[in-house]
Amino acid sequence: MPIQGVKQGCPLSPLLFSPYVNDIDLIAEGVEGAITGSSTVRVTHMLYADDLCLTANRPDQLQTMLNRLDGYARLPSILLSLKLSIITLMAATSPLSV
C-alpha cells in the first residue's frame, strides 16, 4: 500500500489519476441524478481534477452512489480521504448512512 502519492501540483498527477476515474460513471448507472435547468437533463456526478461531486434529488439515489463509491474505492491502490469528504443534504427528508 503506498504511503504517499505525487507531490501537490505535480504535472504527472492528472495523467496518473486518469486511469482510476475512467470508469467512475459506473457508480451512477441507473441513478436519476439531480434536476437541472432542463427537464430532460439530469446530473449524477461532476469531476474536477481529483474531486468528485455526487448529485441526486432523492436521498436513496445518493445513498446508492455512495455505496457503489465505497465498493469502487476498495479496488487496489485507490484511497478515499474521509477527512476531506463532505456530504451535504439539501431539501432531504430522510437520513443517509455513510
N, C-alpha and C. Protein backbone atom coordinates (compact mmCIF):
# COMPACT_ATOMS: atom_id res chain seq x y z
N MET A 1 0.85 -1.18 0.00
CA MET A 1 0.00 0.00 0.00
C MET A 1 0.89 1.24 0.00
N PRO A 2 0.65 2.18 -0.91
CA PRO A 2 1.50 3.37 -0.97
C PRO A 2 1.33 4.24 0.28
N ILE A 3 2.44 4.82 0.71
CA ILE A 3 2.42 5.70 1.87
C ILE A 3 2.17 7.14 1.44
N GLN A 4 2.70 7.53 0.30
CA GLN A 4 2.45 8.88 -0.19
C GLN A 4 2.33 8.86 -1.70
N GLY A 5 1.63 9.85 -2.22
CA GLY A 5 1.42 9.93 -3.66
C GLY A 5 2.36 10.94 -4.29
N VAL A 6 1.94 11.50 -5.41
CA VAL A 6 2.76 12.51 -6.07
C VAL A 6 2.62 13.84 -5.31
N LYS A 7 3.58 14.71 -5.49
CA LYS A 7 3.57 15.99 -4.81
C LYS A 7 2.45 16.88 -5.35
N GLN A 8 1.94 17.74 -4.48
CA GLN A 8 0.89 18.70 -4.85
C GLN A 8 1.36 19.52 -6.05
N GLY A 9 0.53 19.61 -7.08
CA GLY A 9 0.85 20.40 -8.25
C GLY A 9 1.73 19.71 -9.28
N CYS A 10 2.08 18.46 -9.05
CA CYS A 10 2.94 17.73 -9.99
C CYS A 10 2.22 17.58 -11.32
N PRO A 11 2.89 17.90 -12.44
CA PRO A 11 2.25 17.79 -13.76
C PRO A 11 1.85 16.36 -14.13
N LEU A 12 2.44 15.36 -13.50
CA LEU A 12 2.09 13.97 -13.77
C LEU A 12 0.80 13.54 -13.07
N SER A 13 0.39 14.28 -12.07
CA SER A 13 -0.77 13.90 -11.26
C SER A 13 -2.02 13.60 -12.08
N PRO A 14 -2.45 14.48 -12.99
CA PRO A 14 -3.66 14.17 -13.78
C PRO A 14 -3.51 12.91 -14.64
N LEU A 15 -2.33 12.70 -15.18
CA LEU A 15 -2.10 11.51 -16.02
C LEU A 15 -2.15 10.23 -15.20
N LEU A 16 -1.63 10.27 -13.99
CA LEU A 16 -1.63 9.09 -13.14
C LEU A 16 -3.02 8.81 -12.56
N PHE A 17 -3.79 9.86 -12.36
CA PHE A 17 -5.13 9.73 -11.77
C PHE A 17 -6.17 9.29 -12.79
N SER A 18 -5.97 9.68 -14.03
CA SER A 18 -6.94 9.44 -15.10
C SER A 18 -7.40 7.99 -15.24
N PRO A 19 -6.51 7.00 -15.25
CA PRO A 19 -6.99 5.60 -15.39
C PRO A 19 -7.92 5.15 -14.27
N TYR A 20 -7.76 5.73 -13.07
CA TYR A 20 -8.59 5.32 -11.94
C TYR A 20 -10.01 5.86 -12.03
N VAL A 21 -10.18 7.03 -12.62
CA VAL A 21 -11.53 7.61 -12.70
C VAL A 21 -12.18 7.39 -14.05
N ASN A 22 -11.50 6.68 -14.93
CA ASN A 22 -12.02 6.45 -16.28
C ASN A 22 -13.39 5.79 -16.27
N ASP A 23 -13.63 4.88 -15.34
CA ASP A 23 -14.91 4.18 -15.30
C ASP A 23 -15.77 4.57 -14.09
N ILE A 24 -15.56 5.77 -13.56
CA ILE A 24 -16.33 6.23 -12.40
C ILE A 24 -17.82 6.38 -12.74
N ASP A 25 -18.14 6.49 -14.01
CA ASP A 25 -19.54 6.58 -14.44
C ASP A 25 -20.37 5.38 -13.99
N LEU A 26 -19.72 4.25 -13.75
CA LEU A 26 -20.44 3.04 -13.34
C LEU A 26 -21.18 3.21 -12.02
N ILE A 27 -20.69 4.08 -11.14
CA ILE A 27 -21.37 4.25 -9.85
C ILE A 27 -22.71 4.95 -10.01
N ALA A 28 -22.90 5.64 -11.13
CA ALA A 28 -24.14 6.37 -11.35
C ALA A 28 -25.11 5.64 -12.28
N GLU A 29 -24.76 4.44 -12.69
CA GLU A 29 -25.61 3.68 -13.61
C GLU A 29 -26.98 3.41 -12.99
N GLY A 30 -28.03 3.83 -13.69
CA GLY A 30 -29.40 3.60 -13.22
C GLY A 30 -29.90 4.60 -12.20
N VAL A 31 -29.08 5.60 -11.85
CA VAL A 31 -29.47 6.62 -10.88
C VAL A 31 -30.01 7.83 -11.64
N GLU A 32 -31.09 8.42 -11.12
CA GLU A 32 -31.74 9.54 -11.81
C GLU A 32 -30.89 10.80 -11.85
N GLY A 33 -30.21 11.13 -10.80
CA GLY A 33 -29.42 12.36 -10.76
C GLY A 33 -30.27 13.55 -10.38
N ALA A 34 -29.61 14.70 -10.26
CA ALA A 34 -30.27 15.93 -9.84
C ALA A 34 -30.87 16.65 -11.04
N ILE A 35 -32.00 17.28 -10.80
CA ILE A 35 -32.67 18.05 -11.84
C ILE A 35 -31.85 19.31 -12.13
N THR A 36 -31.74 19.64 -13.40
CA THR A 36 -31.04 20.85 -13.81
C THR A 36 -32.05 21.85 -14.35
N GLY A 37 -31.59 22.85 -15.05
CA GLY A 37 -32.49 23.84 -15.63
C GLY A 37 -33.34 23.28 -16.75
N SER A 38 -32.97 22.12 -17.29
CA SER A 38 -33.72 21.47 -18.36
C SER A 38 -34.40 20.22 -17.80
N SER A 39 -35.64 20.01 -18.16
CA SER A 39 -36.37 18.85 -17.65
C SER A 39 -35.84 17.52 -18.20
N THR A 40 -35.05 17.58 -19.27
CA THR A 40 -34.54 16.35 -19.88
C THR A 40 -33.10 16.05 -19.48
N VAL A 41 -32.46 16.96 -18.76
CA VAL A 41 -31.06 16.77 -18.38
C VAL A 41 -30.96 16.61 -16.86
N ARG A 42 -30.34 15.53 -16.43
CA ARG A 42 -30.09 15.30 -15.01
C ARG A 42 -28.60 15.03 -14.82
N VAL A 43 -28.07 15.46 -13.70
CA VAL A 43 -26.64 15.32 -13.42
C VAL A 43 -26.46 14.40 -12.22
N THR A 44 -25.67 13.34 -12.40
CA THR A 44 -25.42 12.41 -11.31
C THR A 44 -24.08 12.68 -10.62
N HIS A 45 -23.11 13.17 -11.37
CA HIS A 45 -21.80 13.43 -10.78
C HIS A 45 -21.02 14.42 -11.62
N MET A 46 -20.07 15.08 -10.96
CA MET A 46 -19.18 16.02 -11.63
C MET A 46 -17.77 15.76 -11.14
N LEU A 47 -16.81 15.83 -12.05
CA LEU A 47 -15.41 15.64 -11.72
C LEU A 47 -14.62 16.90 -12.08
N TYR A 48 -13.72 17.27 -11.19
CA TYR A 48 -12.77 18.34 -11.49
C TYR A 48 -11.46 17.92 -10.84
N ALA A 49 -10.45 17.68 -11.67
CA ALA A 49 -9.16 17.18 -11.21
C ALA A 49 -9.39 15.89 -10.40
N ASP A 50 -9.06 15.89 -9.11
CA ASP A 50 -9.27 14.67 -8.31
C ASP A 50 -10.44 14.83 -7.35
N ASP A 51 -11.34 15.77 -7.63
CA ASP A 51 -12.53 15.97 -6.81
C ASP A 51 -13.76 15.38 -7.51
N LEU A 52 -14.61 14.76 -6.73
CA LEU A 52 -15.84 14.15 -7.24
C LEU A 52 -17.01 14.69 -6.46
N CYS A 53 -18.04 15.12 -7.17
CA CYS A 53 -19.27 15.60 -6.54
C CYS A 53 -20.42 14.73 -7.04
N LEU A 54 -21.11 14.07 -6.12
CA LEU A 54 -22.28 13.25 -6.46
C LEU A 54 -23.53 14.08 -6.22
N THR A 55 -24.48 14.03 -7.15
CA THR A 55 -25.70 14.82 -7.01
C THR A 55 -26.93 13.97 -7.29
N ALA A 56 -27.96 14.18 -6.47
CA ALA A 56 -29.23 13.48 -6.66
C ALA A 56 -30.30 14.26 -5.90
N ASN A 57 -31.53 14.18 -6.35
CA ASN A 57 -32.64 14.83 -5.66
C ASN A 57 -33.25 13.95 -4.58
N ARG A 58 -33.02 12.65 -4.69
CA ARG A 58 -33.59 11.72 -3.71
C ARG A 58 -32.48 11.11 -2.87
N PRO A 59 -32.64 11.09 -1.55
CA PRO A 59 -31.61 10.52 -0.68
C PRO A 59 -31.26 9.07 -1.02
N ASP A 60 -32.23 8.26 -1.42
CA ASP A 60 -31.93 6.86 -1.73
C ASP A 60 -31.04 6.75 -2.97
N GLN A 61 -31.20 7.67 -3.92
CA GLN A 61 -30.35 7.66 -5.11
C GLN A 61 -28.92 8.04 -4.75
N LEU A 62 -28.77 9.03 -3.88
CA LEU A 62 -27.44 9.43 -3.42
C LEU A 62 -26.80 8.30 -2.62
N GLN A 63 -27.58 7.65 -1.77
CA GLN A 63 -27.06 6.53 -0.98
C GLN A 63 -26.58 5.41 -1.88
N THR A 64 -27.30 5.14 -2.96
CA THR A 64 -26.88 4.11 -3.92
C THR A 64 -25.50 4.44 -4.48
N MET A 65 -25.30 5.71 -4.87
CA MET A 65 -24.00 6.10 -5.42
C MET A 65 -22.91 6.04 -4.36
N LEU A 66 -23.22 6.43 -3.11
CA LEU A 66 -22.23 6.35 -2.03
C LEU A 66 -21.83 4.90 -1.77
N ASN A 67 -22.79 4.00 -1.78
CA ASN A 67 -22.49 2.58 -1.58
C ASN A 67 -21.61 2.04 -2.70
N ARG A 68 -21.92 2.42 -3.92
CA ARG A 68 -21.12 1.97 -5.07
C ARG A 68 -19.72 2.59 -5.02
N LEU A 69 -19.63 3.84 -4.60
CA LEU A 69 -18.33 4.50 -4.48
C LEU A 69 -17.47 3.79 -3.44
N ASP A 70 -18.10 3.36 -2.37
CA ASP A 70 -17.38 2.61 -1.33
C ASP A 70 -16.78 1.33 -1.92
N GLY A 71 -17.56 0.61 -2.72
CA GLY A 71 -17.05 -0.59 -3.37
C GLY A 71 -15.96 -0.28 -4.38
N TYR A 72 -16.13 0.80 -5.12
CA TYR A 72 -15.15 1.23 -6.12
C TYR A 72 -13.83 1.58 -5.45
N ALA A 73 -13.92 2.22 -4.29
CA ALA A 73 -12.71 2.66 -3.59
C ALA A 73 -11.96 1.49 -2.96
N ARG A 74 -12.57 0.35 -2.87
CA ARG A 74 -11.89 -0.82 -2.31
C ARG A 74 -10.99 -1.51 -3.33
N LEU A 75 -11.01 -1.02 -4.58
CA LEU A 75 -10.10 -1.55 -5.59
C LEU A 75 -8.67 -1.24 -5.18
N PRO A 76 -7.71 -2.04 -5.63
CA PRO A 76 -6.31 -1.80 -5.24
C PRO A 76 -5.83 -0.39 -5.61
N SER A 77 -5.09 0.20 -4.71
CA SER A 77 -4.42 1.49 -4.90
C SER A 77 -5.35 2.70 -4.95
N ILE A 78 -6.61 2.56 -4.57
CA ILE A 78 -7.49 3.73 -4.53
C ILE A 78 -7.79 4.03 -3.07
N LEU A 79 -7.48 5.25 -2.67
CA LEU A 79 -7.72 5.67 -1.29
C LEU A 79 -8.64 6.88 -1.30
N LEU A 80 -9.69 6.83 -0.49
CA LEU A 80 -10.57 7.98 -0.31
C LEU A 80 -10.23 8.61 1.03
N SER A 81 -10.17 9.92 1.05
CA SER A 81 -9.89 10.61 2.30
C SER A 81 -11.20 11.06 2.92
N LEU A 82 -11.62 10.38 3.97
CA LEU A 82 -12.85 10.77 4.66
C LEU A 82 -12.70 12.11 5.36
N LYS A 83 -11.47 12.47 5.74
CA LYS A 83 -11.23 13.76 6.38
C LYS A 83 -11.49 14.92 5.42
N LEU A 84 -11.33 14.67 4.13
CA LEU A 84 -11.55 15.70 3.12
C LEU A 84 -12.90 15.56 2.43
N SER A 85 -13.74 14.66 2.91
CA SER A 85 -15.03 14.40 2.28
C SER A 85 -16.16 15.10 3.04
N ILE A 86 -17.12 15.57 2.28
CA ILE A 86 -18.28 16.25 2.85
C ILE A 86 -19.53 15.74 2.17
N ILE A 87 -20.57 15.51 2.96
CA ILE A 87 -21.88 15.18 2.41
C ILE A 87 -22.83 16.27 2.84
N THR A 88 -23.46 16.90 1.87
CA THR A 88 -24.41 17.97 2.14
C THR A 88 -25.76 17.57 1.59
N LEU A 89 -26.76 17.56 2.44
CA LEU A 89 -28.12 17.24 2.00
C LEU A 89 -28.91 18.53 1.87
N MET A 90 -29.55 18.68 0.76
CA MET A 90 -30.39 19.86 0.54
C MET A 90 -31.82 19.40 0.29
N ALA A 91 -32.75 19.85 1.10
CA ALA A 91 -34.16 19.50 0.99
C ALA A 91 -34.38 18.00 1.14
N ALA A 92 -33.55 17.35 1.92
CA ALA A 92 -33.71 15.91 2.15
C ALA A 92 -34.71 15.67 3.26
N THR A 93 -35.44 14.58 3.17
CA THR A 93 -36.43 14.26 4.20
C THR A 93 -36.07 13.01 4.98
N SER A 94 -35.04 12.27 4.54
CA SER A 94 -34.63 11.08 5.29
C SER A 94 -33.12 11.04 5.39
N PRO A 95 -32.57 10.48 6.48
CA PRO A 95 -31.12 10.47 6.69
C PRO A 95 -30.40 9.46 5.80
N LEU A 96 -29.12 9.75 5.52
CA LEU A 96 -28.26 8.84 4.77
C LEU A 96 -27.26 8.23 5.74
N SER A 97 -26.84 7.02 5.48
CA SER A 97 -25.79 6.42 6.29
C SER A 97 -24.51 6.40 5.48
N VAL A 98 -23.41 6.67 6.14
CA VAL A 98 -22.12 6.71 5.46
C VAL A 98 -21.22 5.63 6.01
